Amino acid sequence: MIKAMEPATDSIDSGSDPNPPLIYRCKKCRRIVATKDHIVAHERGEGQKCFKWKKRDDGFDRDSMPDCSSIFVEPMKWMQSVGEGCVEDKLQCIGCKARLGSFNWAGMQCSCGTWVNPAFQLHKSRLDESRV
């Protein structure tokens, strides 16, 4: 009786992908701007102590580490100002011209405190994260 059930579960598992690919879309027009393959991973920084004194938050909890508020990606074809030879500029959605983030070839500091160099930063608050 158990052997009769095993082929049925195997056929169900083989037809579905347990981890469908992660994609990021512009929140305004839903155009795909990046996939998981485009993300540049970085190690978490030490939070507030990595920032200059003027940029630190007075009421932060020293024990809790904030999540990164942005993702960093590789330069892509839809990033028009990158192709124009700018060193730093804003990144706009090619579909609706909404501001999605910014880039700087010299690097930028993530909200977790780590420096990413070169930096093509997309703000998570302006993106929808979904699975295909």
Foldseek 3Di string as FASTA:
>chain_A
DVVVVVVVVVVVVVVDDPDFWKFKAFPPPRHTDGTPVFFDDDDFDQAQVLDDPVPHDPPDDNVDQDDWQKTWGDDDPQQVVVVVPDQKDFGAGSPPRHTFGMWHQQWDAINRNDTDHGTDIGGPVRIDMDGD
